[in-house]
């Protein structure tokens, strides 16, 4: 018997929990060296053939997550606390982070009301955030459920059927492509690094 009907329900849980507006600690201004951590919580039973996940990114002690409310800033792991699954913390190391530059680059891509369960969800946000912050991507194991869901939806509209109409494509996400967004953000990161290197070089020349 097919186990696919269980998948949309798991994904719909992700839509319901991926962050609500919560007051968080104000992030530091300007480039600072901070620890970058990805928080990942499974949605649904551990024996499910295809697990959905809720993810967020933590810079220092401030969590950033994406939901229908847009990008939500909160303290620590607030968006995971209402979930039953065990949250896994993936330490990405300490990096020089300019929170203002991060906001300018990533936040316009994830406006309130543009959330889409399959095409533009919390995992897509973390994927983009990692690309800009450290030049890496979210492990594909955490986006497998929505990848399968997109295929089923594109060819058969099956997710809408299996979810009983609870899922409908969001037209505000039609122009979003996570791979294109990741490429653009990586370029922005490289340009920013080049500019910082040029500044350091100028300072060294002046000091000499």
N, C-alpha and C. Protein backbone atom coordinates (compact mmCIF):
# COMPACT_ATOMS: atom_id res chain seq x y z
N UNK A 1 0.84 -1.18 0.00
CA UNK A 1 0.00 0.00 0.00
C UNK A 1 0.88 1.24 0.00
N UNK A 2 0.44 2.27 -0.72
CA UNK A 2 1.23 3.49 -0.82
C UNK A 2 1.20 4.26 0.49
N UNK A 3 2.34 4.84 0.85
CA UNK A 3 2.42 5.63 2.08
C UNK A 3 2.40 7.12 1.78
N UNK A 4 2.21 7.50 0.52
CA UNK A 4 2.26 8.91 0.14
C UNK A 4 1.20 9.77 0.80
N UNK A 5 -0.04 9.29 1.02
CA UNK A 5 -1.03 10.16 1.64
C UNK A 5 -0.62 10.73 2.98
N UNK A 6 0.31 10.08 3.69
CA UNK A 6 0.73 10.60 4.99
C UNK A 6 1.61 11.83 4.85
N UNK A 7 2.22 12.00 3.68
CA UNK A 7 3.19 13.07 3.52
C UNK A 7 2.56 14.46 3.58
N UNK A 8 1.47 14.73 2.86
CA UNK A 8 0.92 16.08 2.93
C UNK A 8 0.55 16.49 4.35
N UNK A 9 0.05 15.57 5.16
CA UNK A 9 -0.30 15.92 6.53
C UNK A 9 0.93 16.37 7.31
N UNK A 10 2.05 15.68 7.07
CA UNK A 10 3.29 16.06 7.73
C UNK A 10 3.72 17.45 7.31
N UNK A 11 3.64 17.71 6.01
CA UNK A 11 4.02 19.02 5.50
C UNK A 11 3.09 20.10 6.01
N UNK A 12 1.81 19.80 6.11
CA UNK A 12 0.85 20.79 6.60
C UNK A 12 1.15 21.16 8.04
N UNK A 13 1.68 20.22 8.82
CA UNK A 13 2.08 20.53 10.19
C UNK A 13 3.19 21.57 10.17
N UNK A 14 4.10 21.45 9.19
CA UNK A 14 5.18 22.42 9.06
C UNK A 14 4.62 23.80 8.79
N UNK A 15 3.59 23.88 7.96
CA UNK A 15 2.99 25.17 7.65
C UNK A 15 2.42 25.83 8.88
N UNK A 16 1.94 25.02 9.81
CA UNK A 16 1.27 25.56 10.99
C UNK A 16 2.24 26.00 12.08
N UNK A 17 3.47 25.47 12.08
CA UNK A 17 4.36 25.74 13.21
C UNK A 17 5.60 26.55 12.86
N UNK A 18 5.84 26.84 11.60
CA UNK A 18 7.08 27.50 11.22
C UNK A 18 7.13 28.95 11.66
N UNK A 19 6.99 29.20 12.92
CA UNK A 19 7.24 30.53 13.46
C UNK A 19 6.04 31.41 13.61
N UNK A 20 5.92 32.05 14.74
CA UNK A 20 4.93 33.07 15.00
C UNK A 20 5.66 34.29 15.55
N UNK A 21 5.10 35.48 15.38
CA UNK A 21 5.82 36.66 15.87
C UNK A 21 6.09 36.58 17.37
N UNK A 22 7.36 36.59 17.71
CA UNK A 22 7.77 36.55 19.11
C UNK A 22 8.88 37.58 19.29
N UNK A 23 8.80 38.35 20.33
CA UNK A 23 9.83 39.36 20.58
C UNK A 23 11.14 38.68 20.91
N UNK A 24 12.20 39.02 20.19
CA UNK A 24 13.51 38.44 20.45
C UNK A 24 14.51 39.52 20.82
N UNK A 25 15.67 39.08 21.24
CA UNK A 25 16.73 40.00 21.60
C UNK A 25 17.22 40.73 20.36
N UNK A 26 17.42 42.06 20.45
CA UNK A 26 17.88 42.83 19.32
C UNK A 26 19.28 42.40 18.93
N UNK A 27 19.48 42.05 17.63
CA UNK A 27 20.79 41.59 17.21
C UNK A 27 21.80 42.73 17.21
N UNK A 28 23.09 42.36 17.31
CA UNK A 28 24.14 43.36 17.30
C UNK A 28 24.25 44.01 15.93
N UNK A 29 24.70 45.28 15.92
CA UNK A 29 24.82 46.03 14.68
C UNK A 29 26.26 45.97 14.21
N UNK A 30 26.46 45.82 12.88
CA UNK A 30 27.80 45.76 12.32
C UNK A 30 28.35 44.36 12.31
N UNK A 31 29.42 44.13 11.53
CA UNK A 31 30.02 42.79 11.45
C UNK A 31 30.59 42.34 12.79
N UNK A 32 30.20 41.18 13.21
CA UNK A 32 30.73 40.59 14.44
C UNK A 32 30.91 39.10 14.23
N UNK A 33 31.84 38.50 14.94
CA UNK A 33 32.05 37.05 14.84
C UNK A 33 31.05 36.36 15.75
N UNK A 34 30.18 35.54 15.15
CA UNK A 34 29.13 34.88 15.91
C UNK A 34 29.00 33.43 15.45
N UNK A 35 28.49 32.61 16.35
CA UNK A 35 28.24 31.21 16.02
C UNK A 35 26.96 31.11 15.21
N UNK A 36 27.01 30.32 14.15
CA UNK A 36 25.85 30.08 13.29
C UNK A 36 25.40 28.64 13.49
N UNK A 37 24.14 28.45 13.85
CA UNK A 37 23.60 27.12 14.14
C UNK A 37 22.30 26.93 13.37
N UNK A 38 22.11 25.76 12.80
CA UNK A 38 20.84 25.39 12.17
C UNK A 38 20.09 24.47 13.13
N UNK A 39 18.85 24.82 13.42
CA UNK A 39 17.99 23.98 14.26
C UNK A 39 16.98 23.27 13.37
N UNK A 40 16.89 21.95 13.53
CA UNK A 40 16.01 21.13 12.69
C UNK A 40 15.19 20.20 13.57
N UNK A 41 13.86 20.21 13.36
CA UNK A 41 12.97 19.33 14.11
C UNK A 41 12.12 18.52 13.15
N UNK A 42 12.10 17.18 13.30
CA UNK A 42 11.26 16.34 12.42
C UNK A 42 9.79 16.53 12.73
N UNK A 43 8.98 16.40 11.70
CA UNK A 43 7.53 16.51 11.83
C UNK A 43 6.92 15.15 11.51
N UNK A 44 6.22 14.57 12.44
CA UNK A 44 5.62 13.27 12.21
C UNK A 44 6.44 12.15 12.83
N UNK A 45 5.95 10.90 12.75
CA UNK A 45 6.62 9.75 13.37
C UNK A 45 7.96 9.45 12.73
N UNK A 46 8.92 8.97 13.54
CA UNK A 46 10.27 8.71 13.05
C UNK A 46 10.32 7.60 12.02
N UNK A 47 9.31 6.73 11.99
CA UNK A 47 9.30 5.62 11.04
C UNK A 47 8.61 5.97 9.73
N UNK A 48 8.17 7.22 9.57
CA UNK A 48 7.53 7.64 8.32
C UNK A 48 8.52 7.52 7.17
N UNK A 49 8.08 7.04 5.99
CA UNK A 49 8.99 6.86 4.86
C UNK A 49 9.57 8.18 4.36
N UNK A 50 8.81 9.26 4.47
CA UNK A 50 9.29 10.58 4.06
C UNK A 50 8.99 11.57 5.18
N UNK A 51 10.02 12.05 5.85
CA UNK A 51 9.83 12.97 6.96
C UNK A 51 9.89 14.41 6.48
N UNK A 52 8.98 15.23 7.00
CA UNK A 52 9.08 16.66 6.82
C UNK A 52 9.85 17.25 7.99
N UNK A 53 10.40 18.43 7.80
CA UNK A 53 11.18 19.07 8.86
C UNK A 53 10.83 20.55 8.96
N UNK A 54 10.91 21.05 10.18
CA UNK A 54 10.90 22.49 10.40
C UNK A 54 12.32 22.91 10.75
N UNK A 55 12.82 23.94 10.09
CA UNK A 55 14.18 24.40 10.37
C UNK A 55 14.19 25.90 10.59
N UNK A 56 15.21 26.34 11.29
CA UNK A 56 15.46 27.76 11.50
C UNK A 56 16.96 27.96 11.63
N UNK A 57 17.39 29.20 11.60
CA UNK A 57 18.81 29.49 11.74
C UNK A 57 19.02 30.40 12.94
N UNK A 58 20.06 30.11 13.70
CA UNK A 58 20.35 30.87 14.91
C UNK A 58 21.70 31.55 14.74
N UNK A 59 21.71 32.88 14.86
CA UNK A 59 22.93 33.67 14.77
C UNK A 59 23.19 34.22 16.17
N UNK A 60 24.24 33.75 16.80
CA UNK A 60 24.46 34.11 18.19
C UNK A 60 23.38 33.48 19.05
N UNK A 61 22.54 34.30 19.64
CA UNK A 61 21.42 33.81 20.44
C UNK A 61 20.07 34.21 19.83
N UNK A 62 20.10 34.68 18.60
CA UNK A 62 18.88 35.13 17.95
C UNK A 62 18.46 34.15 16.86
N UNK A 63 17.22 33.68 16.93
CA UNK A 63 16.69 32.75 15.94
C UNK A 63 15.96 33.50 14.84
N UNK A 64 16.15 33.04 13.61
CA UNK A 64 15.43 33.54 12.46
C UNK A 64 14.70 32.37 11.82
N UNK A 65 13.39 32.52 11.62
CA UNK A 65 12.60 31.48 10.96
C UNK A 65 11.63 32.15 10.00
N UNK A 66 11.05 31.36 9.12
CA UNK A 66 10.14 31.89 8.10
C UNK A 66 8.80 31.16 8.16
N UNK A 67 7.72 31.93 8.11
CA UNK A 67 6.37 31.38 8.12
C UNK A 67 5.47 32.32 7.33
N UNK A 68 4.19 32.10 7.41
CA UNK A 68 3.24 32.99 6.72
C UNK A 68 3.34 34.42 7.24
N UNK A 69 3.93 34.60 8.42
CA UNK A 69 4.12 35.94 8.98
C UNK A 69 5.34 36.63 8.39
N UNK A 70 6.11 35.95 7.57
CA UNK A 70 7.38 36.47 7.08
C UNK A 70 8.52 35.95 7.91
N UNK A 71 9.64 36.67 7.92
CA UNK A 71 10.78 36.27 8.74
C UNK A 71 10.54 36.70 10.18
N UNK A 72 10.62 35.74 11.07
CA UNK A 72 10.34 35.98 12.49
C UNK A 72 11.66 35.92 13.27
N UNK A 73 11.91 36.95 14.06
CA UNK A 73 13.08 36.99 14.92
C UNK A 73 12.65 36.68 16.35
N UNK A 74 13.33 35.75 16.98
CA UNK A 74 12.95 35.35 18.33
C UNK A 74 14.19 34.93 19.12
N UNK A 75 13.97 34.62 20.37
CA UNK A 75 15.07 34.18 21.23
C UNK A 75 15.29 32.68 21.10
N UNK A 76 16.55 32.30 20.91
CA UNK A 76 16.96 30.90 20.92
C UNK A 76 16.18 30.05 19.93
N UNK A 77 15.42 29.02 20.40
CA UNK A 77 14.73 28.09 19.49
C UNK A 77 13.21 28.19 19.64
N UNK A 78 12.69 29.37 19.70
CA UNK A 78 11.27 29.58 20.00
C UNK A 78 10.34 28.88 19.03
N UNK A 79 10.68 28.86 17.75
CA UNK A 79 9.77 28.28 16.76
C UNK A 79 9.69 26.76 16.84
N UNK A 80 10.57 26.12 17.61
CA UNK A 80 10.58 24.66 17.72
C UNK A 80 9.91 24.16 19.01
N UNK A 81 9.63 25.06 19.93
CA UNK A 81 9.21 24.63 21.26
C UNK A 81 7.85 23.95 21.29
N UNK A 82 6.99 24.24 20.32
CA UNK A 82 5.66 23.62 20.32
C UNK A 82 5.66 22.29 19.56
N UNK A 83 6.80 21.86 19.08
CA UNK A 83 6.89 20.61 18.31
C UNK A 83 7.24 19.44 19.20
N UNK A 84 6.73 18.27 18.84
CA UNK A 84 6.97 17.07 19.65
C UNK A 84 8.29 16.40 19.34
N UNK A 85 8.78 16.56 18.12
CA UNK A 85 10.03 15.91 17.74
C UNK A 85 11.24 16.51 18.44
N UNK A 86 12.32 15.73 18.45
CA UNK A 86 13.56 16.19 19.09
C UNK A 86 14.31 17.11 18.14
N UNK A 87 14.66 18.28 18.62
CA UNK A 87 15.36 19.27 17.81
C UNK A 87 16.84 18.95 17.73
N UNK A 88 17.36 18.92 16.51
CA UNK A 88 18.77 18.69 16.29
C UNK A 88 19.44 20.03 16.01
N UNK A 89 20.57 20.30 16.68
CA UNK A 89 21.32 21.53 16.46
C UNK A 89 22.57 21.21 15.64
N UNK A 90 22.71 21.86 14.49
CA UNK A 90 23.85 21.65 13.60
C UNK A 90 24.75 22.87 13.70
N UNK A 91 25.90 22.68 14.33
CA UNK A 91 26.84 23.78 14.55
C UNK A 91 27.63 24.04 13.26
N UNK A 92 27.45 25.23 12.71
CA UNK A 92 28.15 25.59 11.47
C UNK A 92 29.43 26.39 11.73
N UNK A 93 29.78 26.55 13.01
CA UNK A 93 31.00 27.26 13.35
C UNK A 93 30.77 28.75 13.57
N UNK A 94 31.88 29.43 13.89
CA UNK A 94 31.83 30.87 14.11
C UNK A 94 32.24 31.60 12.83
N UNK A 95 31.47 32.62 12.48
CA UNK A 95 31.71 33.37 11.24
C UNK A 95 31.52 34.85 11.50
N UNK A 96 32.17 35.66 10.67
CA UNK A 96 31.92 37.10 10.73
C UNK A 96 30.58 37.36 10.05
N UNK A 97 29.63 37.87 10.82
CA UNK A 97 28.27 38.07 10.32
C UNK A 97 27.90 39.55 10.43
N UNK A 98 27.41 40.09 9.32
CA UNK A 98 26.85 41.44 9.33
C UNK A 98 25.33 41.28 9.25
N UNK A 99 24.67 41.42 10.39
CA UNK A 99 23.24 41.17 10.46
C UNK A 99 22.47 42.14 9.56
N UNK A 100 22.92 43.39 9.49
CA UNK A 100 22.24 44.37 8.63
C UNK A 100 22.33 43.95 7.17
N UNK A 101 23.51 43.49 6.73
CA UNK A 101 23.66 43.02 5.35
C UNK A 101 22.82 41.78 5.09
N UNK A 102 22.76 40.89 6.10
CA UNK A 102 21.91 39.69 6.00
C UNK A 102 20.45 40.07 5.79
N UNK A 103 19.98 41.03 6.57
CA UNK A 103 18.60 41.47 6.43
C UNK A 103 18.35 42.09 5.07
N UNK A 104 19.27 42.95 4.62
CA UNK A 104 19.10 43.62 3.32
C UNK A 104 19.05 42.62 2.18
N UNK A 105 19.84 41.55 2.28
CA UNK A 105 19.95 40.58 1.19
C UNK A 105 18.83 39.55 1.19
N UNK A 106 18.51 39.03 2.39
CA UNK A 106 17.61 37.87 2.47
C UNK A 106 16.16 38.26 2.75
N UNK A 107 15.94 39.22 3.60
CA UNK A 107 14.57 39.54 4.02
C UNK A 107 13.64 39.93 2.87
N UNK A 108 14.09 40.69 1.85
CA UNK A 108 13.17 41.02 0.76
C UNK A 108 12.64 39.82 0.00
N UNK A 109 13.37 38.71 0.04
CA UNK A 109 12.94 37.49 -0.67
C UNK A 109 11.82 36.76 0.06
N UNK A 110 11.65 37.05 1.36
CA UNK A 110 10.71 36.28 2.18
C UNK A 110 9.74 37.23 2.90
N UNK A 111 8.93 37.88 2.10
CA UNK A 111 7.98 38.85 2.63
C UNK A 111 6.81 38.15 3.32
N UNK A 112 6.16 38.81 4.27
CA UNK A 112 4.94 38.24 4.87
C UNK A 112 3.89 37.93 3.80
N UNK A 113 3.25 36.79 3.96
CA UNK A 113 2.21 36.40 3.01
C UNK A 113 2.71 35.67 1.79
N UNK A 114 4.04 35.47 1.67
CA UNK A 114 4.58 34.79 0.49
C UNK A 114 4.94 33.33 0.76
N UNK A 115 4.64 32.85 1.96
CA UNK A 115 4.96 31.47 2.34
C UNK A 115 4.18 30.48 1.47
N UNK A 116 4.84 29.46 0.99
CA UNK A 116 4.20 28.37 0.26
C UNK A 116 4.74 27.06 0.81
N UNK A 117 3.87 26.17 1.15
CA UNK A 117 4.23 24.92 1.82
C UNK A 117 5.27 24.11 1.06
N UNK A 118 5.19 24.10 -0.27
CA UNK A 118 6.07 23.27 -1.07
C UNK A 118 7.20 24.04 -1.74
N UNK A 119 6.95 25.30 -2.08
CA UNK A 119 7.91 26.02 -2.91
C UNK A 119 8.71 27.09 -2.17
N UNK A 120 8.18 27.55 -1.05
CA UNK A 120 8.84 28.65 -0.34
C UNK A 120 8.51 28.55 1.13
N UNK A 121 9.18 27.65 1.82
CA UNK A 121 8.86 27.38 3.22
C UNK A 121 10.05 27.69 4.13
N UNK A 122 9.97 27.25 5.37
CA UNK A 122 11.03 27.54 6.34
C UNK A 122 12.37 26.97 5.91
N UNK A 123 12.35 25.81 5.25
CA UNK A 123 13.61 25.19 4.82
C UNK A 123 14.25 25.96 3.66
N UNK A 124 13.42 26.50 2.77
CA UNK A 124 13.95 27.32 1.68
C UNK A 124 14.63 28.57 2.25
N UNK A 125 14.03 29.13 3.30
CA UNK A 125 14.62 30.30 3.94
C UNK A 125 15.99 29.96 4.55
N UNK A 126 16.07 28.85 5.27
CA UNK A 126 17.34 28.46 5.90
C UNK A 126 18.38 28.16 4.82
N UNK A 127 17.97 27.53 3.74
CA UNK A 127 18.86 27.24 2.62
C UNK A 127 19.48 28.55 2.10
N UNK A 128 18.64 29.56 1.90
CA UNK A 128 19.11 30.86 1.41
C UNK A 128 19.97 31.58 2.45
N UNK A 129 19.55 31.51 3.70
CA UNK A 129 20.30 32.18 4.77
C UNK A 129 21.71 31.60 4.88
N UNK A 130 21.83 30.28 4.85
CA UNK A 130 23.14 29.64 4.93
C UNK A 130 24.02 30.05 3.75
N UNK A 131 23.43 30.14 2.58
CA UNK A 131 24.19 30.51 1.38
C UNK A 131 24.82 31.88 1.53
N UNK A 132 24.05 32.80 2.10
CA UNK A 132 24.57 34.16 2.27
C UNK A 132 25.56 34.25 3.43
N UNK A 133 25.25 33.58 4.51
CA UNK A 133 26.06 33.71 5.72
C UNK A 133 27.39 32.97 5.65
N UNK A 134 27.37 31.73 5.15
CA UNK A 134 28.59 30.91 5.18
C UNK A 134 28.92 30.24 3.84
N UNK A 135 28.11 30.50 2.81
CA UNK A 135 28.38 29.92 1.50
C UNK A 135 28.04 28.46 1.38
N UNK A 136 27.21 27.93 2.27
CA UNK A 136 26.81 26.52 2.23
C UNK A 136 25.29 26.41 2.04
N UNK A 137 24.81 25.17 1.82
CA UNK A 137 23.38 24.93 1.65
C UNK A 137 22.86 23.98 2.72
N UNK A 138 21.57 24.03 2.94
CA UNK A 138 20.92 23.10 3.86
C UNK A 138 20.98 21.70 3.25
N UNK A 139 21.33 20.71 4.08
CA UNK A 139 21.41 19.33 3.60
C UNK A 139 20.09 18.91 2.96
N UNK A 140 20.18 18.26 1.80
CA UNK A 140 18.99 17.90 1.03
C UNK A 140 18.06 16.94 1.76
N UNK A 141 18.57 16.23 2.78
CA UNK A 141 17.70 15.30 3.51
C UNK A 141 16.55 16.03 4.20
N UNK A 142 16.76 17.32 4.50
CA UNK A 142 15.74 18.07 5.22
C UNK A 142 14.70 18.71 4.29
N UNK A 143 14.93 18.61 2.98
CA UNK A 143 13.97 19.19 2.02
C UNK A 143 13.38 18.13 1.10
N UNK A 144 13.61 16.85 1.45
CA UNK A 144 13.14 15.76 0.58
C UNK A 144 11.62 15.72 0.47
N UNK A 145 10.91 15.94 1.58
CA UNK A 145 9.45 15.84 1.56
C UNK A 145 8.83 16.85 0.61
N UNK A 146 9.28 18.12 0.68
CA UNK A 146 8.70 19.11 -0.21
C UNK A 146 9.15 18.93 -1.66
N UNK A 147 10.35 18.36 -1.85
CA UNK A 147 10.80 18.07 -3.22
C UNK A 147 9.88 17.05 -3.88
N UNK A 148 9.54 15.99 -3.14
CA UNK A 148 8.60 15.00 -3.66
C UNK A 148 7.22 15.62 -3.83
N UNK A 149 6.82 16.43 -2.85
CA UNK A 149 5.52 17.09 -2.92
C UNK A 149 5.39 17.99 -4.14
N UNK A 150 6.46 18.71 -4.48
CA UNK A 150 6.42 19.58 -5.66
C UNK A 150 6.21 18.79 -6.93
N UNK A 151 6.89 17.64 -7.04
CA UNK A 151 6.72 16.80 -8.23
C UNK A 151 5.29 16.29 -8.35
N UNK A 152 4.75 15.82 -7.23
CA UNK A 152 3.37 15.32 -7.23
C UNK A 152 2.38 16.42 -7.57
N UNK A 153 2.64 17.61 -7.08
CA UNK A 153 1.72 18.73 -7.31
C UNK A 153 1.81 19.24 -8.74
N UNK A 154 3.03 19.35 -9.26
CA UNK A 154 3.21 19.88 -10.61
C UNK A 154 2.55 19.02 -11.67
N UNK A 155 2.63 17.70 -11.49
CA UNK A 155 2.15 16.79 -12.52
C UNK A 155 0.72 16.28 -12.28
N UNK A 156 0.33 16.19 -11.00
CA UNK A 156 -0.96 15.56 -10.71
C UNK A 156 -1.86 16.39 -9.79
N UNK A 157 -1.36 17.51 -9.30
CA UNK A 157 -2.08 18.29 -8.27
C UNK A 157 -2.46 17.39 -7.10
N UNK A 158 -1.57 16.43 -6.80
CA UNK A 158 -1.90 15.38 -5.85
C UNK A 158 -1.89 15.87 -4.41
N UNK A 159 -1.03 16.85 -4.10
CA UNK A 159 -0.96 17.33 -2.73
C UNK A 159 -2.26 18.04 -2.35
N UNK A 160 -2.83 18.79 -3.28
CA UNK A 160 -4.11 19.44 -3.01
C UNK A 160 -5.20 18.41 -2.76
N UNK A 161 -5.16 17.33 -3.53
CA UNK A 161 -6.18 16.28 -3.37
C UNK A 161 -6.00 15.56 -2.04
N UNK A 162 -4.76 15.13 -1.75
CA UNK A 162 -4.52 14.35 -0.54
C UNK A 162 -4.67 15.17 0.74
N UNK A 163 -4.49 16.49 0.63
CA UNK A 163 -4.64 17.33 1.81
C UNK A 163 -6.08 17.77 2.02
N UNK A 164 -6.98 17.30 1.16
CA UNK A 164 -8.38 17.68 1.30
C UNK A 164 -8.62 19.16 1.04
N UNK A 165 -7.77 19.75 0.21
CA UNK A 165 -7.92 21.16 -0.12
C UNK A 165 -7.25 22.10 0.86
N UNK A 166 -6.57 21.56 1.88
CA UNK A 166 -5.90 22.41 2.87
C UNK A 166 -4.66 23.07 2.29
N UNK A 167 -4.08 22.47 1.24
CA UNK A 167 -2.97 23.11 0.56
C UNK A 167 -3.44 23.68 -0.76
N UNK A 168 -3.06 24.93 -1.01
CA UNK A 168 -3.28 25.56 -2.30
C UNK A 168 -2.03 26.38 -2.62
N UNK A 169 -1.54 26.31 -3.86
CA UNK A 169 -0.35 27.08 -4.22
C UNK A 169 -0.55 28.57 -3.97
N UNK A 170 0.44 29.20 -3.41
CA UNK A 170 0.39 30.63 -3.13
C UNK A 170 0.93 31.39 -4.34
N UNK A 171 0.10 32.19 -5.00
CA UNK A 171 0.58 32.92 -6.19
C UNK A 171 1.72 33.88 -5.89
N UNK A 172 1.86 34.29 -4.62
CA UNK A 172 2.94 35.20 -4.25
C UNK A 172 4.30 34.50 -4.24
N UNK A 173 4.28 33.18 -4.38
CA UNK A 173 5.53 32.42 -4.43
C UNK A 173 5.86 31.95 -5.85
N UNK A 174 5.05 32.35 -6.81
CA UNK A 174 5.23 31.86 -8.18
C UNK A 174 6.58 32.22 -8.78
N UNK A 175 7.10 33.38 -8.45
CA UNK A 175 8.35 33.84 -9.05
C UNK A 175 9.59 33.41 -8.26
N UNK A 176 9.38 32.67 -7.19
CA UNK A 176 10.51 32.28 -6.34
C UNK A 176 11.08 30.95 -6.79
N UNK A 177 12.39 30.90 -6.93
CA UNK A 177 13.11 29.65 -7.22
C UNK A 177 14.29 29.58 -6.26
N UNK A 178 14.29 28.59 -5.40
CA UNK A 178 15.29 28.54 -4.34
C UNK A 178 16.71 28.41 -4.89
N UNK A 179 16.89 27.66 -5.97
CA UNK A 179 18.23 27.50 -6.53
C UNK A 179 18.75 28.81 -7.10
N UNK A 180 17.89 29.57 -7.78
CA UNK A 180 18.29 30.87 -8.30
C UNK A 180 18.59 31.84 -7.16
N UNK A 181 17.77 31.80 -6.13
CA UNK A 181 17.98 32.68 -4.98
C UNK A 181 19.31 32.37 -4.30
N UNK A 182 19.62 31.09 -4.15
CA UNK A 182 20.88 30.67 -3.53
C UNK A 182 22.07 31.18 -4.34
N UNK A 183 22.01 31.05 -5.67
CA UNK A 183 23.10 31.52 -6.53
C UNK A 183 23.30 33.02 -6.39
N UNK A 184 22.19 33.77 -6.38
CA UNK A 184 22.28 35.23 -6.26
C UNK A 184 22.88 35.63 -4.91
N UNK A 185 22.47 34.94 -3.86
CA UNK A 185 22.97 35.27 -2.52
C UNK A 185 24.44 34.90 -2.36
N UNK A 186 24.87 33.84 -2.99
CA UNK A 186 26.28 33.48 -2.95
C UNK A 186 27.13 34.56 -3.63
N UNK A 187 26.64 35.10 -4.74
CA UNK A 187 27.35 36.18 -5.41
C UNK A 187 27.44 37.42 -4.53
N UNK A 188 26.33 37.74 -3.87
CA UNK A 188 26.34 38.88 -2.95
C UNK A 188 27.36 38.66 -1.82
N UNK A 189 27.42 37.43 -1.33
CA UNK A 189 28.38 37.11 -0.27
C UNK A 189 29.81 37.30 -0.76
N UNK A 190 30.10 36.80 -1.96
CA UNK A 190 31.45 36.92 -2.50
C UNK A 190 31.83 38.39 -2.71
N UNK A 191 30.89 39.19 -3.19
CA UNK A 191 31.15 40.61 -3.39
C UNK A 191 31.44 41.29 -2.05
N UNK A 192 30.66 40.92 -1.04
CA UNK A 192 30.86 41.50 0.29
C UNK A 192 32.23 41.13 0.85
N UNK A 193 32.63 39.87 0.67
CA UNK A 193 33.94 39.43 1.15
C UNK A 193 35.06 40.16 0.43
N UNK A 194 34.89 40.37 -0.90
CA UNK A 194 35.90 41.08 -1.69
C UNK A 194 36.04 42.52 -1.22
N UNK A 195 34.91 43.15 -0.91
CA UNK A 195 34.93 44.54 -0.44
C UNK A 195 35.63 44.64 0.91
N UNK A 196 35.36 43.68 1.81
CA UNK A 196 36.01 43.69 3.12
C UNK A 196 37.51 43.48 2.99
N UNK A 197 37.92 42.59 2.06
CA UNK A 197 39.35 42.35 1.84
C UNK A 197 40.03 43.61 1.32
N UNK A 198 39.32 44.32 0.42
CA UNK A 198 39.87 45.56 -0.13
C UNK A 198 40.04 46.61 0.96
N UNK A 199 39.09 46.69 1.89
CA UNK A 199 39.19 47.65 2.99
C UNK A 199 40.39 47.33 3.88
N UNK A 200 40.55 46.03 4.19
CA UNK A 200 41.67 45.62 5.03
C UNK A 200 42.99 45.94 4.34
N UNK A 201 43.07 45.68 3.03
CA UNK A 201 44.28 45.98 2.27
C UNK A 201 44.61 47.46 2.30
N UNK A 202 43.61 48.31 2.18
CA UNK A 202 43.82 49.76 2.23
C UNK A 202 44.32 50.20 3.59
N UNK A 203 43.77 49.60 4.64
CA UNK A 203 44.20 49.94 5.99
C UNK A 203 45.66 49.56 6.22
N UNK A 204 46.08 48.41 5.67
CA UNK A 204 47.45 47.96 5.82
C UNK A 204 48.40 48.92 5.10
N UNK A 205 48.02 49.35 3.89
CA UNK A 205 48.86 50.27 3.11
C UNK A 205 49.03 51.58 3.85
N UNK A 206 47.94 52.09 4.42
CA UNK A 206 47.99 53.36 5.15
C UNK A 206 48.90 53.24 6.36
N UNK A 207 48.78 52.12 7.10
CA UNK A 207 49.58 51.91 8.30
C UNK A 207 51.06 51.79 7.98
N UNK A 208 51.37 51.24 6.80
CA UNK A 208 52.77 51.10 6.39
C UNK A 208 53.34 52.47 6.04
